[in-house]
Amino acid sequence: MFQLSKDEFDNWKSQFVTSNADTMRLRRPPNAFSEQGVAMLSAILKSEKAIKISIQIINAFVSMRKFILTNAQIFQRLKSLEKKQIETDKKFSDLFNAMESKASPR
């Protein structure tokens, strides 16, 4: 188990569209379990409910891993497009700045 960093917490909050306060009523970043942590926890928690929840959490990790692997090429293309868009935005900004400086009276 670990506590989310401030950046992780901010990113996590940005995943939810809510009208609540920006902390979502949390006073500090929540604790989270790694996949290995859930597996270790499931080895010691023996109640029927704990076993069912551990299986659901492990299945969620498996689903996330499959999703990431299945869509890795799309993620790479999005990253490439984002980089090109940033470069294009900078070129337009430079162009507009140059046009403004030549259009302004001297």
N, C-alpha and C. Protein backbone atom coordinates (compact mmCIF):
# COMPACT_ATOMS: atom_id res chain seq x y z
N MET A 1 0.85 -1.17 0.00
CA MET A 1 0.00 0.00 0.00
C MET A 1 0.90 1.24 0.00
N PHE A 2 0.45 2.28 -0.70
CA PHE A 2 1.20 3.52 -0.74
C PHE A 2 0.22 4.68 -0.83
N GLN A 3 0.69 5.86 -0.52
CA GLN A 3 -0.15 7.05 -0.63
C GLN A 3 0.17 7.75 -1.94
N LEU A 4 -0.87 8.19 -2.63
CA LEU A 4 -0.66 8.89 -3.89
C LEU A 4 0.12 10.17 -3.65
N SER A 5 1.02 10.48 -4.57
CA SER A 5 1.76 11.75 -4.50
C SER A 5 0.79 12.89 -4.86
N LYS A 6 1.22 14.12 -4.66
CA LYS A 6 0.36 15.27 -4.99
C LYS A 6 0.01 15.27 -6.48
N ASP A 7 1.00 14.99 -7.34
CA ASP A 7 0.73 14.95 -8.79
C ASP A 7 -0.25 13.83 -9.13
N GLU A 8 -0.04 12.64 -8.54
CA GLU A 8 -0.95 11.53 -8.78
C GLU A 8 -2.36 11.86 -8.30
N PHE A 9 -2.43 12.49 -7.13
CA PHE A 9 -3.72 12.87 -6.56
C PHE A 9 -4.43 13.89 -7.45
N ASP A 10 -3.69 14.90 -7.93
CA ASP A 10 -4.28 15.90 -8.82
C ASP A 10 -4.75 15.26 -10.13
N ASN A 11 -3.95 14.34 -10.66
CA ASN A 11 -4.32 13.65 -11.89
C ASN A 11 -5.55 12.78 -11.66
N TRP A 12 -5.59 12.10 -10.51
CA TRP A 12 -6.73 11.26 -10.17
C TRP A 12 -8.00 12.09 -10.07
N LYS A 13 -7.89 13.27 -9.43
CA LYS A 13 -9.05 14.14 -9.29
C LYS A 13 -9.52 14.63 -10.66
N SER A 14 -8.60 14.86 -11.58
CA SER A 14 -8.97 15.37 -12.90
C SER A 14 -9.72 14.33 -13.72
N GLN A 15 -9.68 13.08 -13.30
CA GLN A 15 -10.38 12.03 -14.02
C GLN A 15 -11.89 12.03 -13.72
N PHE A 16 -12.30 12.76 -12.70
CA PHE A 16 -13.69 12.79 -12.29
C PHE A 16 -14.27 14.16 -12.57
N VAL A 17 -15.42 14.19 -13.22
CA VAL A 17 -16.10 15.45 -13.48
C VAL A 17 -17.13 15.62 -12.36
N THR A 18 -16.80 16.49 -11.42
CA THR A 18 -17.70 16.71 -10.28
C THR A 18 -17.81 18.18 -9.99
N SER A 19 -18.83 18.53 -9.26
CA SER A 19 -18.97 19.92 -8.85
C SER A 19 -18.54 20.10 -7.40
N ASN A 20 -18.02 19.06 -6.78
CA ASN A 20 -17.56 19.14 -5.40
C ASN A 20 -16.30 19.98 -5.32
N ALA A 21 -15.89 20.23 -4.10
CA ALA A 21 -14.63 20.95 -3.90
C ALA A 21 -13.51 20.19 -4.59
N ASP A 22 -12.44 20.90 -4.92
CA ASP A 22 -11.37 20.26 -5.70
C ASP A 22 -10.70 19.12 -4.96
N THR A 23 -10.88 19.01 -3.66
CA THR A 23 -10.29 17.87 -2.95
C THR A 23 -11.26 16.70 -2.88
N MET A 24 -12.46 16.87 -3.45
CA MET A 24 -13.47 15.81 -3.44
C MET A 24 -13.71 15.33 -2.02
N ARG A 25 -13.67 16.28 -1.08
CA ARG A 25 -13.92 16.01 0.32
C ARG A 25 -12.84 15.16 0.98
N LEU A 26 -11.71 15.03 0.33
CA LEU A 26 -10.59 14.29 0.91
C LEU A 26 -9.61 15.29 1.49
N ARG A 27 -9.14 15.02 2.68
CA ARG A 27 -8.20 15.94 3.32
C ARG A 27 -6.76 15.66 2.91
N ARG A 28 -6.49 14.45 2.45
CA ARG A 28 -5.14 14.08 2.03
C ARG A 28 -5.26 13.06 0.92
N PRO A 29 -4.19 12.89 0.15
CA PRO A 29 -4.26 11.89 -0.94
C PRO A 29 -4.60 10.51 -0.38
N PRO A 30 -5.42 9.76 -1.12
CA PRO A 30 -5.82 8.43 -0.63
C PRO A 30 -4.69 7.41 -0.74
N ASN A 31 -4.85 6.33 -0.01
CA ASN A 31 -3.91 5.21 -0.12
C ASN A 31 -4.35 4.33 -1.28
N ALA A 32 -3.41 3.68 -1.88
CA ALA A 32 -3.70 2.80 -3.01
C ALA A 32 -2.87 1.53 -2.86
N PHE A 33 -3.29 0.48 -3.53
CA PHE A 33 -2.55 -0.78 -3.51
C PHE A 33 -1.98 -1.05 -4.89
N SER A 34 -0.77 -1.54 -4.92
CA SER A 34 -0.21 -2.02 -6.18
C SER A 34 -0.81 -3.40 -6.45
N GLU A 35 -0.63 -3.89 -7.64
CA GLU A 35 -1.15 -5.22 -7.97
C GLU A 35 -0.54 -6.28 -7.05
N GLN A 36 0.76 -6.16 -6.79
CA GLN A 36 1.42 -7.11 -5.91
C GLN A 36 0.90 -6.97 -4.48
N GLY A 37 0.60 -5.74 -4.06
CA GLY A 37 0.06 -5.52 -2.73
C GLY A 37 -1.29 -6.17 -2.55
N VAL A 38 -2.13 -6.11 -3.57
CA VAL A 38 -3.44 -6.76 -3.51
C VAL A 38 -3.26 -8.27 -3.42
N ALA A 39 -2.33 -8.80 -4.21
CA ALA A 39 -2.08 -10.25 -4.17
C ALA A 39 -1.60 -10.67 -2.78
N MET A 40 -0.71 -9.87 -2.19
CA MET A 40 -0.22 -10.20 -0.84
C MET A 40 -1.34 -10.10 0.19
N LEU A 41 -2.16 -9.07 0.06
CA LEU A 41 -3.27 -8.88 0.98
C LEU A 41 -4.26 -10.03 0.88
N SER A 42 -4.54 -10.47 -0.34
CA SER A 42 -5.50 -11.56 -0.52
C SER A 42 -4.98 -12.87 0.07
N ALA A 43 -3.66 -12.97 0.23
CA ALA A 43 -3.09 -14.19 0.82
C ALA A 43 -3.36 -14.27 2.32
N ILE A 44 -3.59 -13.11 2.96
CA ILE A 44 -3.81 -13.15 4.41
C ILE A 44 -5.26 -12.91 4.82
N LEU A 45 -6.03 -12.27 3.95
CA LEU A 45 -7.45 -12.05 4.26
C LEU A 45 -8.26 -13.24 3.75
N LYS A 46 -8.93 -13.92 4.64
CA LYS A 46 -9.56 -15.18 4.27
C LYS A 46 -11.08 -15.15 4.26
N SER A 47 -11.70 -14.01 4.59
CA SER A 47 -13.16 -13.99 4.58
C SER A 47 -13.66 -14.10 3.15
N GLU A 48 -14.89 -14.56 2.99
CA GLU A 48 -15.45 -14.75 1.65
C GLU A 48 -15.54 -13.41 0.91
N LYS A 49 -15.94 -12.36 1.62
CA LYS A 49 -16.04 -11.03 1.01
C LYS A 49 -14.66 -10.53 0.58
N ALA A 50 -13.64 -10.70 1.43
CA ALA A 50 -12.29 -10.26 1.10
C ALA A 50 -11.77 -11.00 -0.13
N ILE A 51 -12.05 -12.28 -0.22
CA ILE A 51 -11.60 -13.07 -1.37
C ILE A 51 -12.27 -12.57 -2.65
N LYS A 52 -13.59 -12.31 -2.59
CA LYS A 52 -14.32 -11.83 -3.78
C LYS A 52 -13.78 -10.48 -4.23
N ILE A 53 -13.56 -9.57 -3.28
CA ILE A 53 -13.06 -8.25 -3.64
C ILE A 53 -11.64 -8.33 -4.19
N SER A 54 -10.80 -9.17 -3.59
CA SER A 54 -9.43 -9.34 -4.10
C SER A 54 -9.46 -9.84 -5.54
N ILE A 55 -10.34 -10.79 -5.83
CA ILE A 55 -10.45 -11.32 -7.20
C ILE A 55 -10.90 -10.21 -8.15
N GLN A 56 -11.85 -9.39 -7.73
CA GLN A 56 -12.31 -8.29 -8.58
C GLN A 56 -11.19 -7.29 -8.84
N ILE A 57 -10.41 -6.99 -7.82
CA ILE A 57 -9.32 -6.03 -7.99
C ILE A 57 -8.25 -6.60 -8.91
N ILE A 58 -7.88 -7.86 -8.70
CA ILE A 58 -6.89 -8.50 -9.58
C ILE A 58 -7.40 -8.52 -11.02
N ASN A 59 -8.68 -8.82 -11.20
CA ASN A 59 -9.27 -8.82 -12.55
C ASN A 59 -9.22 -7.42 -13.17
N ALA A 60 -9.40 -6.38 -12.34
CA ALA A 60 -9.30 -5.01 -12.85
C ALA A 60 -7.87 -4.71 -13.32
N PHE A 61 -6.87 -5.16 -12.56
CA PHE A 61 -5.48 -4.97 -12.99
C PHE A 61 -5.20 -5.72 -14.30
N VAL A 62 -5.71 -6.93 -14.41
CA VAL A 62 -5.53 -7.71 -15.64
C VAL A 62 -6.19 -6.99 -16.81
N SER A 63 -7.40 -6.48 -16.60
CA SER A 63 -8.11 -5.76 -17.66
C SER A 63 -7.35 -4.50 -18.08
N MET A 64 -6.82 -3.77 -17.10
CA MET A 64 -6.04 -2.57 -17.43
C MET A 64 -4.81 -2.93 -18.24
N ARG A 65 -4.12 -3.99 -17.83
CA ARG A 65 -2.91 -4.41 -18.56
C ARG A 65 -3.26 -4.79 -19.99
N LYS A 66 -4.36 -5.54 -20.18
CA LYS A 66 -4.78 -5.93 -21.54
C LYS A 66 -5.14 -4.70 -22.36
N PHE A 67 -5.84 -3.75 -21.74
CA PHE A 67 -6.23 -2.53 -22.44
C PHE A 67 -5.00 -1.76 -22.91
N ILE A 68 -4.03 -1.62 -22.02
CA ILE A 68 -2.81 -0.88 -22.36
C ILE A 68 -2.05 -1.58 -23.48
N LEU A 69 -1.91 -2.90 -23.38
CA LEU A 69 -1.20 -3.64 -24.43
C LEU A 69 -1.94 -3.59 -25.75
N THR A 70 -3.25 -3.71 -25.71
CA THR A 70 -4.06 -3.70 -26.93
C THR A 70 -4.00 -2.34 -27.61
N ASN A 71 -3.90 -1.28 -26.82
CA ASN A 71 -3.97 0.07 -27.36
C ASN A 71 -2.63 0.80 -27.36
N ALA A 72 -1.55 0.08 -27.15
CA ALA A 72 -0.23 0.70 -27.07
C ALA A 72 0.09 1.50 -28.34
N GLN A 73 -0.25 0.96 -29.49
CA GLN A 73 0.05 1.65 -30.75
C GLN A 73 -0.76 2.94 -30.84
N ILE A 74 -2.00 2.91 -30.41
CA ILE A 74 -2.83 4.12 -30.43
C ILE A 74 -2.25 5.17 -29.49
N PHE A 75 -1.83 4.74 -28.29
CA PHE A 75 -1.23 5.67 -27.34
C PHE A 75 0.03 6.31 -27.93
N GLN A 76 0.82 5.52 -28.62
CA GLN A 76 2.05 6.04 -29.24
C GLN A 76 1.71 7.05 -30.32
N ARG A 77 0.68 6.75 -31.13
CA ARG A 77 0.28 7.69 -32.18
C ARG A 77 -0.27 8.98 -31.58
N LEU A 78 -1.03 8.87 -30.50
CA LEU A 78 -1.54 10.07 -29.83
C LEU A 78 -0.40 10.92 -29.29
N LYS A 79 0.59 10.26 -28.72
CA LYS A 79 1.75 10.98 -28.20
C LYS A 79 2.47 11.71 -29.33
N SER A 80 2.61 11.04 -30.47
CA SER A 80 3.26 11.64 -31.62
C SER A 80 2.45 12.84 -32.14
N LEU A 81 1.13 12.67 -32.22
CA LEU A 81 0.27 13.77 -32.67
C LEU A 81 0.33 14.95 -31.71
N GLU A 82 0.36 14.66 -30.42
CA GLU A 82 0.45 15.72 -29.43
C GLU A 82 1.75 16.50 -29.60
N LYS A 83 2.84 15.79 -29.82
CA LYS A 83 4.13 16.45 -30.02
C LYS A 83 4.10 17.33 -31.26
N LYS A 84 3.53 16.81 -32.36
CA LYS A 84 3.44 17.60 -33.59
C LYS A 84 2.55 18.82 -33.39
N GLN A 85 1.46 18.66 -32.63
CA GLN A 85 0.57 19.79 -32.38
C GLN A 85 1.27 20.88 -31.59
N ILE A 86 2.06 20.50 -30.60
CA ILE A 86 2.82 21.47 -29.82
C ILE A 86 3.80 22.23 -30.72
N GLU A 87 4.47 21.51 -31.61
CA GLU A 87 5.40 22.15 -32.55
C GLU A 87 4.67 23.10 -33.49
N THR A 88 3.50 22.67 -33.98
CA THR A 88 2.70 23.50 -34.88
C THR A 88 2.21 24.75 -34.16
N ASP A 89 1.75 24.60 -32.92
CA ASP A 89 1.30 25.75 -32.13
C ASP A 89 2.42 26.77 -31.95
N LYS A 90 3.63 26.27 -31.70
CA LYS A 90 4.77 27.18 -31.52
C LYS A 90 5.08 27.91 -32.82
N LYS A 91 5.01 27.20 -33.95
CA LYS A 91 5.27 27.84 -35.25
C LYS A 91 4.24 28.92 -35.53
N PHE A 92 2.95 28.63 -35.25
CA PHE A 92 1.92 29.64 -35.45
C PHE A 92 2.14 30.84 -34.53
N SER A 93 2.50 30.58 -33.30
CA SER A 93 2.76 31.66 -32.35
C SER A 93 3.90 32.53 -32.85
N ASP A 94 4.97 31.90 -33.31
CA ASP A 94 6.11 32.65 -33.85
C ASP A 94 5.69 33.47 -35.08
N LEU A 95 4.88 32.88 -35.95
CA LEU A 95 4.41 33.56 -37.15
C LEU A 95 3.55 34.77 -36.78
N PHE A 96 2.60 34.58 -35.88
CA PHE A 96 1.74 35.69 -35.47
C PHE A 96 2.52 36.80 -34.78
N ASN A 97 3.50 36.42 -33.97
CA ASN A 97 4.34 37.43 -33.31
C ASN A 97 5.13 38.23 -34.35
N ALA A 98 5.65 37.53 -35.36
CA ALA A 98 6.40 38.22 -36.41
C ALA A 98 5.49 39.15 -37.20
N MET A 99 4.27 38.69 -37.49
CA MET A 99 3.32 39.53 -38.22
C MET A 99 2.94 40.76 -37.40
N GLU A 100 2.73 40.59 -36.12
CA GLU A 100 2.36 41.71 -35.24
C GLU A 100 3.49 42.73 -35.16
N SER A 101 4.71 42.23 -35.06
CA SER A 101 5.84 43.18 -34.93
C SER A 101 6.05 43.96 -36.21
N LYS A 102 5.76 43.39 -37.37
CA LYS A 102 5.90 44.12 -38.64
C LYS A 102 4.71 45.03 -38.89
N ALA A 103 3.56 44.71 -38.34
CA ALA A 103 2.35 45.52 -38.55
C ALA A 103 2.26 46.69 -37.61
N SER A 104 2.96 46.63 -36.49
CA SER A 104 2.87 47.73 -35.52
C SER A 104 3.64 48.95 -36.03
N PRO A 105 3.08 50.16 -35.79
CA PRO A 105 3.79 51.37 -36.27
C PRO A 105 5.09 51.58 -35.53
N ARG A 106 6.07 52.12 -36.24
CA ARG A 106 7.39 52.32 -35.65
C ARG A 106 7.64 53.76 -35.40
